[in-house]
Amino acid sequence: MSVFRWGNGIPEHLRALRDEVLGEEVLGTRLASGLTVLVHPKRGFRKKFALLGANFGSVDGEYADRETGRRMPIPDGAAHFLEHKL
């Protein structure tokens, strides 16, 4: 049983993104926190799958605070550590 019950339409806060090559549609929105959420409904599939990705990796050595603009160093290995925490 799906958690999502959309009836005949797509909720207002989700935007449809169509891939013409695959002939499929992905629904997306950006939360107030800045997190982008994408939902890929697949008719006929019973299993669910979730994935979390971030625009952050091993080459990122610092972080900029959005409010103050202050740049802070990030220790080497932080991205790898976060992979294992998820």
PDB file of N, CA and C in Angstrom:
ATOM      1  N   MET A   1       0.841  -1.182   0.000  1.00  0.00           N
ATOM      2  CA  MET A   1       0.000   0.000   0.000  1.00  0.00           C
ATOM      3  C   MET A   1       0.882   1.239   0.000  1.00  0.00           C
ATOM      4  N   SER A   2       0.629   2.150  -0.894  1.00  0.00           N
ATOM      5  CA  SER A   2       1.447   3.343  -1.037  1.00  0.00           C
ATOM      6  C   SER A   2       1.091   4.396   0.004  1.00  0.00           C
ATOM      7  N   VAL A   3       2.119   5.111   0.474  1.00  0.00           N
ATOM      8  CA  VAL A   3       1.900   6.223   1.399  1.00  0.00           C
ATOM      9  C   VAL A   3       1.299   7.405   0.632  1.00  0.00           C
ATOM     10  N   PHE A   4       1.643   7.529  -0.631  1.00  0.00           N
ATOM     11  CA  PHE A   4       1.172   8.639  -1.448  1.00  0.00           C
ATOM     12  C   PHE A   4      -0.196   8.331  -2.029  1.00  0.00           C
ATOM     13  N   ARG A   5      -1.159   9.203  -1.806  1.00  0.00           N
ATOM     14  CA  ARG A   5      -2.501   9.064  -2.365  1.00  0.00           C
ATOM     15  C   ARG A   5      -2.811  10.340  -3.142  1.00  0.00           C
ATOM     16  N   TRP A   6      -2.552  10.324  -4.450  1.00  0.00           N
ATOM     17  CA  TRP A   6      -2.687  11.540  -5.230  1.00  0.00           C
ATOM     18  C   TRP A   6      -3.980  11.617  -6.017  1.00  0.00           C
ATOM     19  N   GLY A   7      -4.758  10.557  -6.003  1.00  0.00           N
ATOM     20  CA  GLY A   7      -6.019  10.587  -6.732  1.00  0.00           C
ATOM     21  C   GLY A   7      -5.796  10.822  -8.209  1.00  0.00           C
ATOM     22  N   ASN A   8      -6.509  11.800  -8.755  1.00  0.00           N
ATOM     23  CA  ASN A   8      -6.460  12.059 -10.198  1.00  0.00           C
ATOM     24  C   ASN A   8      -5.429  13.088 -10.611  1.00  0.00           C
ATOM     25  N   GLY A   9      -4.741  13.705  -9.663  1.00  0.00           N
ATOM     26  CA  GLY A   9      -3.802  14.760 -10.038  1.00  0.00           C
ATOM     27  C   GLY A   9      -2.535  14.736  -9.217  1.00  0.00           C
ATOM     28  N   ILE A  10      -1.669  15.679  -9.501  1.00  0.00           N
ATOM     29  CA  ILE A  10      -0.400  15.825  -8.799  1.00  0.00           C
ATOM     30  C   ILE A  10      -0.567  16.960  -7.788  1.00  0.00           C
ATOM     31  N   PRO A  11      -0.098  16.777  -6.551  1.00  0.00           N
ATOM     32  CA  PRO A  11      -0.189  17.867  -5.565  1.00  0.00           C
ATOM     33  C   PRO A  11       0.477  19.141  -6.088  1.00  0.00           C
ATOM     34  N   GLU A  12      -0.064  20.291  -5.690  1.00  0.00           N
ATOM     35  CA  GLU A  12       0.421  21.596  -6.169  1.00  0.00           C
ATOM     36  C   GLU A  12       1.920  21.798  -5.955  1.00  0.00           C
ATOM     37  N   HIS A  13       2.442  21.354  -4.828  1.00  0.00           N
ATOM     38  CA  HIS A  13       3.845  21.620  -4.487  1.00  0.00           C
ATOM     39  C   HIS A  13       4.836  20.762  -5.271  1.00  0.00           C
ATOM     40  N   LEU A  14       4.348  19.789  -6.051  1.00  0.00           N
ATOM     41  CA  LEU A  14       5.248  18.958  -6.851  1.00  0.00           C
ATOM     42  C   LEU A  14       5.217  19.413  -8.309  1.00  0.00           C
ATOM     43  N   ARG A  15       6.377  19.496  -8.910  1.00  0.00           N
ATOM     44  CA  ARG A  15       6.502  19.877 -10.315  1.00  0.00           C
ATOM     45  C   ARG A  15       6.869  18.642 -11.114  1.00  0.00           C
ATOM     46  N   ALA A  16       6.218  18.438 -12.238  1.00  0.00           N
ATOM     47  CA  ALA A  16       6.494  17.268 -13.071  1.00  0.00           C
ATOM     48  C   ALA A  16       7.669  17.557 -14.005  1.00  0.00           C
ATOM     49  N   LEU A  17       8.633  16.638 -14.032  1.00  0.00           N
ATOM     50  CA  LEU A  17       9.784  16.716 -14.931  1.00  0.00           C
ATOM     51  C   LEU A  17       9.725  15.487 -15.831  1.00  0.00           C
ATOM     52  N   ARG A  18       9.622  15.687 -17.123  1.00  0.00           N
ATOM     53  CA  ARG A  18       9.449  14.569 -18.059  1.00  0.00           C
ATOM     54  C   ARG A  18      10.749  14.259 -18.790  1.00  0.00           C
ATOM     55  N   ASP A  19      11.103  12.983 -18.833  1.00  0.00           N
ATOM     56  CA  ASP A  19      12.251  12.509 -19.598  1.00  0.00           C
ATOM     57  C   ASP A  19      11.700  11.909 -20.890  1.00  0.00           C
ATOM     58  N   GLU A  20      11.872  12.626 -21.981  1.00  0.00           N
ATOM     59  CA  GLU A  20      11.322  12.189 -23.265  1.00  0.00           C
ATOM     60  C   GLU A  20      12.009  10.936 -23.786  1.00  0.00           C
ATOM     61  N   VAL A  21      13.289  10.759 -23.472  1.00  0.00           N
ATOM     62  CA  VAL A  21      14.023   9.578 -23.945  1.00  0.00           C
ATOM     63  C   VAL A  21      13.454   8.311 -23.310  1.00  0.00           C
ATOM     64  N   LEU A  22      13.257   8.341 -21.989  1.00  0.00           N
ATOM     65  CA  LEU A  22      12.731   7.175 -21.282  1.00  0.00           C
ATOM     66  C   LEU A  22      11.211   7.124 -21.295  1.00  0.00           C
ATOM     67  N   GLY A  23      10.584   8.260 -21.600  1.00  0.00           N
ATOM     68  CA  GLY A  23       9.130   8.310 -21.572  1.00  0.00           C
ATOM     69  C   GLY A  23       8.571   8.212 -20.165  1.00  0.00           C
ATOM     70  N   GLU A  24       9.306   8.738 -19.199  1.00  0.00           N
ATOM     71  CA  GLU A  24       8.888   8.668 -17.803  1.00  0.00           C
ATOM     72  C   GLU A  24       8.852  10.062 -17.189  1.00  0.00           C
ATOM     73  N   GLU A  25       8.159  10.149 -16.057  1.00  0.00           N
ATOM     74  CA  GLU A  25       8.002  11.426 -15.380  1.00  0.00           C
ATOM     75  C   GLU A  25       8.484  11.311 -13.944  1.00  0.00           C
ATOM     76  N   VAL A  26       9.191  12.332 -13.487  1.00  0.00           N
ATOM     77  CA  VAL A  26       9.648  12.432 -12.108  1.00  0.00           C
ATOM     78  C   VAL A  26       8.992  13.660 -11.513  1.00  0.00           C
ATOM     79  N   LEU A  27       8.508  13.549 -10.294  1.00  0.00           N
ATOM     80  CA  LEU A  27       7.882  14.673  -9.607  1.00  0.00           C
ATOM     81  C   LEU A  27       8.866  15.236  -8.601  1.00  0.00           C
ATOM     82  N   GLY A  28       8.959  16.559  -8.517  1.00  0.00           N
ATOM     83  CA  GLY A  28       9.942  17.144  -7.625  1.00  0.00           C
ATOM     84  C   GLY A  28       9.480  18.411  -6.949  1.00  0.00           C
ATOM     85  N   THR A  29      10.128  18.715  -5.828  1.00  0.00           N
ATOM     86  CA  THR A  29       9.898  19.953  -5.099  1.00  0.00           C
ATOM     87  C   THR A  29      11.153  20.274  -4.294  1.00  0.00           C
ATOM     88  N   ARG A  30      11.276  21.509  -3.870  1.00  0.00           N
ATOM     89  CA  ARG A  30      12.374  21.919  -2.991  1.00  0.00           C
ATOM     90  C   ARG A  30      11.759  22.380  -1.682  1.00  0.00           C
ATOM     91  N   LEU A  31      12.208  21.778  -0.577  1.00  0.00           N
ATOM     92  CA  LEU A  31      11.695  22.117   0.742  1.00  0.00           C
ATOM     93  C   LEU A  31      12.295  23.424   1.237  1.00  0.00           C
ATOM     94  N   ALA A  32      11.703  24.003   2.276  1.00  0.00           N
ATOM     95  CA  ALA A  32      12.197  25.265   2.842  1.00  0.00           C
ATOM     96  C   ALA A  32      13.651  25.150   3.286  1.00  0.00           C
ATOM     97  N   SER A  33      14.083  23.955   3.665  1.00  0.00           N
ATOM     98  CA  SER A  33      15.458  23.735   4.117  1.00  0.00           C
ATOM     99  C   SER A  33      16.450  23.738   2.955  1.00  0.00           C
ATOM    100  N   GLY A  34      15.925  23.715   1.712  1.00  0.00           N
ATOM    101  CA  GLY A  34      16.790  23.656   0.541  1.00  0.00           C
ATOM    102  C   GLY A  34      16.937  22.247  -0.014  1.00  0.00           C
ATOM    103  N   LEU A  35      16.418  21.255   0.701  1.00  0.00           N
ATOM    104  CA  LEU A  35      16.492  19.867   0.251  1.00  0.00           C
ATOM    105  C   LEU A  35      15.577  19.659  -0.953  1.00  0.00           C
ATOM    106  N   THR A  36      16.113  19.085  -2.017  1.00  0.00           N
ATOM    107  CA  THR A  36      15.323  18.739  -3.188  1.00  0.00           C
ATOM    108  C   THR A  36      14.798  17.324  -3.015  1.00  0.00           C
ATOM    109  N   VAL A  37      13.501  17.141  -3.207  1.00  0.00           N
ATOM    110  CA  VAL A  37      12.863  15.834  -3.085  1.00  0.00           C
ATOM    111  C   VAL A  37      12.313  15.449  -4.446  1.00  0.00           C
ATOM    112  N   LEU A  38      12.678  14.256  -4.922  1.00  0.00           N
ATOM    113  CA  LEU A  38      12.188  13.737  -6.192  1.00  0.00           C
ATOM    114  C   LEU A  38      11.455  12.428  -5.941  1.00  0.00           C
ATOM    115  N   VAL A  39      10.318  12.248  -6.605  1.00  0.00           N
ATOM    116  CA  VAL A  39       9.527  11.023  -6.509  1.00  0.00           C
ATOM    117  C   VAL A  39       9.355  10.486  -7.914  1.00  0.00           C
ATOM    118  N   HIS A  40       9.676   9.206  -8.096  1.00  0.00           N
ATOM    119  CA  HIS A  40       9.583   8.579  -9.417  1.00  0.00           C
ATOM    120  C   HIS A  40       8.553   7.454  -9.348  1.00  0.00           C
ATOM    121  N   PRO A  41       7.274   7.772  -9.567  1.00  0.00           N
ATOM    122  CA  PRO A  41       6.249   6.726  -9.515  1.00  0.00           C
ATOM    123  C   PRO A  41       6.437   5.737 -10.668  1.00  0.00           C
ATOM    124  N   LYS A  42       6.343   4.467 -10.380  1.00  0.00           N
ATOM    125  CA  LYS A  42       6.487   3.422 -11.397  1.00  0.00           C
ATOM    126  C   LYS A  42       5.264   2.503 -11.312  1.00  0.00           C
ATOM    127  N   ARG A  43       4.337   2.678 -12.212  1.00  0.00           N
ATOM    128  CA  ARG A  43       3.133   1.846 -12.223  1.00  0.00           C
ATOM    129  C   ARG A  43       3.513   0.381 -12.419  1.00  0.00           C
ATOM    130  N   GLY A  44       2.819  -0.474 -11.690  1.00  0.00           N
ATOM    131  CA  GLY A  44       3.054  -1.902 -11.822  1.00  0.00           C
ATOM    132  C   GLY A  44       4.136  -2.452 -10.904  1.00  0.00           C
ATOM    133  N   PHE A  45       4.847  -1.586 -10.194  1.00  0.00           N
ATOM    134  CA  PHE A  45       5.891  -2.029  -9.267  1.00  0.00           C
ATOM    135  C   PHE A  45       5.324  -2.021  -7.849  1.00  0.00           C
ATOM    136  N   ARG A  46       5.604  -3.059  -7.077  1.00  0.00           N
ATOM    137  CA  ARG A  46       5.098  -3.144  -5.707  1.00  0.00           C
ATOM    138  C   ARG A  46       6.148  -2.742  -4.676  1.00  0.00           C
ATOM    139  N   LYS A  47       7.413  -2.898  -5.000  1.00  0.00           N
ATOM    140  CA  LYS A  47       8.474  -2.567  -4.043  1.00  0.00           C
ATOM    141  C   LYS A  47       8.769  -1.079  -4.066  1.00  0.00           C
ATOM    142  N   LYS A  48       9.274  -0.575  -2.944  1.00  0.00           N
ATOM    143  CA  LYS A  48       9.657   0.833  -2.802  1.00  0.00           C
ATOM    144  C   LYS A  48      11.167   0.924  -2.678  1.00  0.00           C
ATOM    145  N   PHE A  49      11.723   2.044  -3.120  1.00  0.00           N
ATOM    146  CA  PHE A  49      13.166   2.254  -3.075  1.00  0.00           C
ATOM    147  C   PHE A  49      13.412   3.720  -2.762  1.00  0.00           C
ATOM    148  N   ALA A  50      14.358   4.006  -1.907  1.00  0.00           N
ATOM    149  CA  ALA A  50      14.689   5.384  -1.561  1.00  0.00           C
ATOM    150  C   ALA A  50      16.186   5.602  -1.721  1.00  0.00           C
ATOM    151  N   LEU A  51      16.549   6.811  -2.078  1.00  0.00           N
ATOM    152  CA  LEU A  51      17.946   7.172  -2.281  1.00  0.00           C
ATOM    153  C   LEU A  51      18.141   8.591  -1.766  1.00  0.00           C
ATOM    154  N   LEU A  52      19.248   8.825  -1.124  1.00  0.00           N
ATOM    155  CA  LEU A  52      19.578  10.166  -0.650  1.00  0.00           C
ATOM    156  C   LEU A  52      20.899  10.579  -1.270  1.00  0.00           C
ATOM    157  N   GLY A  53      20.911  11.729  -1.895  1.00  0.00           N
ATOM    158  CA  GLY A  53      22.142  12.250  -2.489  1.00  0.00           C
ATOM    159  C   GLY A  53      22.388  13.671  -2.005  1.00  0.00           C
ATOM    160  N   ALA A  54      23.615  14.094  -2.028  1.00  0.00           N
ATOM    161  CA  ALA A  54      23.961  15.444  -1.584  1.00  0.00           C
ATOM    162  C   ALA A  54      24.996  16.047  -2.517  1.00  0.00           C
ATOM    163  N   ASN A  55      24.949  17.350  -2.680  1.00  0.00           N
ATOM    164  CA  ASN A  55      25.955  18.061  -3.471  1.00  0.00           C
ATOM    165  C   ASN A  55      27.171  18.325  -2.591  1.00  0.00           C
ATOM    166  N   PHE A  56      27.789  17.251  -2.165  1.00  0.00           N
ATOM    167  CA  PHE A  56      28.916  17.322  -1.244  1.00  0.00           C
ATOM    168  C   PHE A  56      29.758  16.072  -1.460  1.00  0.00           C
ATOM    169  N   GLY A  57      31.049  16.215  -1.494  1.00  0.00           N
ATOM    170  CA  GLY A  57      31.896  15.050  -1.720  1.00  0.00           C
ATOM    171  C   GLY A  57      33.301  15.241  -1.196  1.00  0.00           C
ATOM    172  N   SER A  58      34.179  14.348  -1.616  1.00  0.00           N
ATOM    173  CA  SER A  58      35.541  14.325  -1.079  1.00  0.00           C
ATOM    174  C   SER A  58      36.365  15.557  -1.456  1.00  0.00           C
ATOM    175  N   VAL A  59      36.001  16.255  -2.527  1.00  0.00           N
ATOM    176  CA  VAL A  59      36.765  17.444  -2.924  1.00  0.00           C
ATOM    177  C   VAL A  59      36.305  18.707  -2.199  1.00  0.00           C
ATOM    178  N   ASP A  60      35.221  18.603  -1.436  1.00  0.00           N
ATOM    179  CA  ASP A  60      34.721  19.752  -0.682  1.00  0.00           C
ATOM    180  C   ASP A  60      35.453  19.844   0.642  1.00  0.00           C
ATOM    181  N   GLY A  61      36.282  20.876   0.800  1.00  0.00           N
ATOM    182  CA  GLY A  61      37.100  21.018   1.993  1.00  0.00           C
ATOM    183  C   GLY A  61      36.616  22.071   2.962  1.00  0.00           C
ATOM    184  N   GLU A  62      35.524  22.769   2.582  1.00  0.00           N
ATOM    185  CA  GLU A  62      34.979  23.770   3.499  1.00  0.00           C
ATOM    186  C   GLU A  62      33.490  23.932   3.263  1.00  0.00           C
ATOM    187  N   TYR A  63      32.853  24.567   4.226  1.00  0.00           N
ATOM    188  CA  TYR A  63      31.412  24.775   4.209  1.00  0.00           C
ATOM    189  C   TYR A  63      31.147  26.252   4.469  1.00  0.00           C
ATOM    190  N   ALA A  64      30.212  26.851   3.734  1.00  0.00           N
ATOM    191  CA  ALA A  64      29.857  28.252   3.956  1.00  0.00           C
ATOM    192  C   ALA A  64      28.493  28.317   4.630  1.00  0.00           C
ATOM    193  N   ASP A  65      28.433  28.964   5.784  1.00  0.00           N
ATOM    194  CA  ASP A  65      27.181  29.149   6.503  1.00  0.00           C
ATOM    195  C   ASP A  65      26.274  30.055   5.674  1.00  0.00           C
ATOM    196  N   ARG A  66      25.041  29.636   5.409  1.00  0.00           N
ATOM    197  CA  ARG A  66      24.127  30.411   4.557  1.00  0.00           C
ATOM    198  C   ARG A  66      23.746  31.755   5.160  1.00  0.00           C
ATOM    199  N   GLU A  67      23.669  31.819   6.475  1.00  0.00           N
ATOM    200  CA  GLU A  67      23.240  33.052   7.126  1.00  0.00           C
ATOM    201  C   GLU A  67      24.366  34.061   7.263  1.00  0.00           C
ATOM    202  N   THR A  68      25.544  33.605   7.650  1.00  0.00           N
ATOM    203  CA  THR A  68      26.640  34.538   7.928  1.00  0.00           C
ATOM    204  C   THR A  68      27.661  34.619   6.795  1.00  0.00           C
ATOM    205  N   GLY A  69      27.679  33.598   5.928  1.00  0.00           N
ATOM    206  CA  GLY A  69      28.672  33.553   4.865  1.00  0.00           C
ATOM    207  C   GLY A  69      30.036  33.090   5.354  1.00  0.00           C
ATOM    208  N   ARG A  70      30.153  32.842   6.649  1.00  0.00           N
ATOM    209  CA  ARG A  70      31.422  32.400   7.235  1.00  0.00           C
ATOM    210  C   ARG A  70      31.800  31.028   6.684  1.00  0.00           C
ATOM    211  N   ARG A  71      33.051  30.876   6.268  1.00  0.00           N
ATOM    212  CA  ARG A  71      33.540  29.613   5.720  1.00  0.00           C
ATOM    213  C   ARG A  71      34.235  28.821   6.820  1.00  0.00           C
ATOM    214  N   MET A  72      33.885  27.542   6.899  1.00  0.00           N
ATOM    215  CA  MET A  72      34.430  26.674   7.939  1.00  0.00           C
ATOM    216  C   MET A  72      35.059  25.444   7.297  1.00  0.00           C
ATOM    217  N   PRO A  73      36.229  25.036   7.755  1.00  0.00           N
ATOM    218  CA  PRO A  73      36.881  23.845   7.185  1.00  0.00           C
ATOM    219  C   PRO A  73      36.146  22.568   7.588  1.00  0.00           C
ATOM    220  N   ILE A  74      36.207  21.578   6.708  1.00  0.00           N
ATOM    221  CA  ILE A  74      35.623  20.258   6.969  1.00  0.00           C
ATOM    222  C   ILE A  74      36.769  19.251   6.946  1.00  0.00           C
ATOM    223  N   PRO A  75      36.829  18.361   7.937  1.00  0.00           N
ATOM    224  CA  PRO A  75      37.930  17.389   7.980  1.00  0.00           C
ATOM    225  C   PRO A  75      37.917  16.437   6.779  1.00  0.00           C
ATOM    226  N   ASP A  76      39.080  16.019   6.319  1.00  0.00           N
ATOM    227  CA  ASP A  76      39.172  15.009   5.268  1.00  0.00           C
ATOM    228  C   ASP A  76      38.424  13.760   5.717  1.00  0.00           C
ATOM    229  N   GLY A  77      37.711  13.138   4.793  1.00  0.00           N
ATOM    230  CA  GLY A  77      36.983  11.910   5.107  1.00  0.00           C
ATOM    231  C   GLY A  77      35.552  12.137   5.564  1.00  0.00           C
ATOM    232  N   ALA A  78      35.115  13.397   5.683  1.00  0.00           N
ATOM    233  CA  ALA A  78      33.764  13.678   6.179  1.00  0.00           C
ATOM    234  C   ALA A  78      32.687  13.101   5.253  1.00  0.00           C
ATOM    235  N   ALA A  79      32.860  13.238   3.929  1.00  0.00           N
ATOM    236  CA  ALA A  79      31.866  12.721   2.987  1.00  0.00           C
ATOM    237  C   ALA A  79      31.767  11.202   3.105  1.00  0.00           C
ATOM    238  N   HIS A  80      32.895  10.529   3.204  1.00  0.00           N
ATOM    239  CA  HIS A  80      32.919   9.079   3.338  1.00  0.00           C
ATOM    240  C   HIS A  80      32.241   8.641   4.646  1.00  0.00           C
ATOM    241  N   PHE A  81      32.503   9.372   5.710  1.00  0.00           N
ATOM    242  CA  PHE A  81      31.873   9.097   7.004  1.00  0.00           C
ATOM    243  C   PHE A  81      30.358   9.209   6.885  1.00  0.00           C
ATOM    244  N   LEU A  82      29.876  10.269   6.230  1.00  0.00           N
ATOM    245  CA  LEU A  82      28.432  10.462   6.085  1.00  0.00           C
ATOM    246  C   LEU A  82      27.790   9.354   5.261  1.00  0.00           C
ATOM    247  N   GLU A  83      28.489   8.851   4.251  1.00  0.00           N
ATOM    248  CA  GLU A  83      27.967   7.720   3.467  1.00  0.00           C
ATOM    249  C   GLU A  83      27.596   6.545   4.388  1.00  0.00           C
ATOM    250  N   HIS A  84      28.457   6.271   5.335  1.00  0.00           N
ATOM    251  CA  HIS A  84      28.234   5.128   6.213  1.00  0.00           C
ATOM    252  C   HIS A  84      27.170   5.403   7.262  1.00  0.00           C
ATOM    253  N   LYS A  85      26.933   6.663   7.570  1.00  0.00           N
ATOM    254  CA  LYS A  85      25.912   7.024   8.545  1.00  0.00           C
ATOM    255  C   LYS A  85      24.516   6.940   7.943  1.00  0.00           C
ATOM    256  N   LEU A  86      24.421   7.058   6.619  1.00  0.00           N
ATOM    257  CA  LEU A  86      23.121   6.988   5.967  1.00  0.00           C
ATOM    258  C   LEU A  86      22.745   5.551   5.776  1.00  0.00           C
TER     259      LEU A  86
END
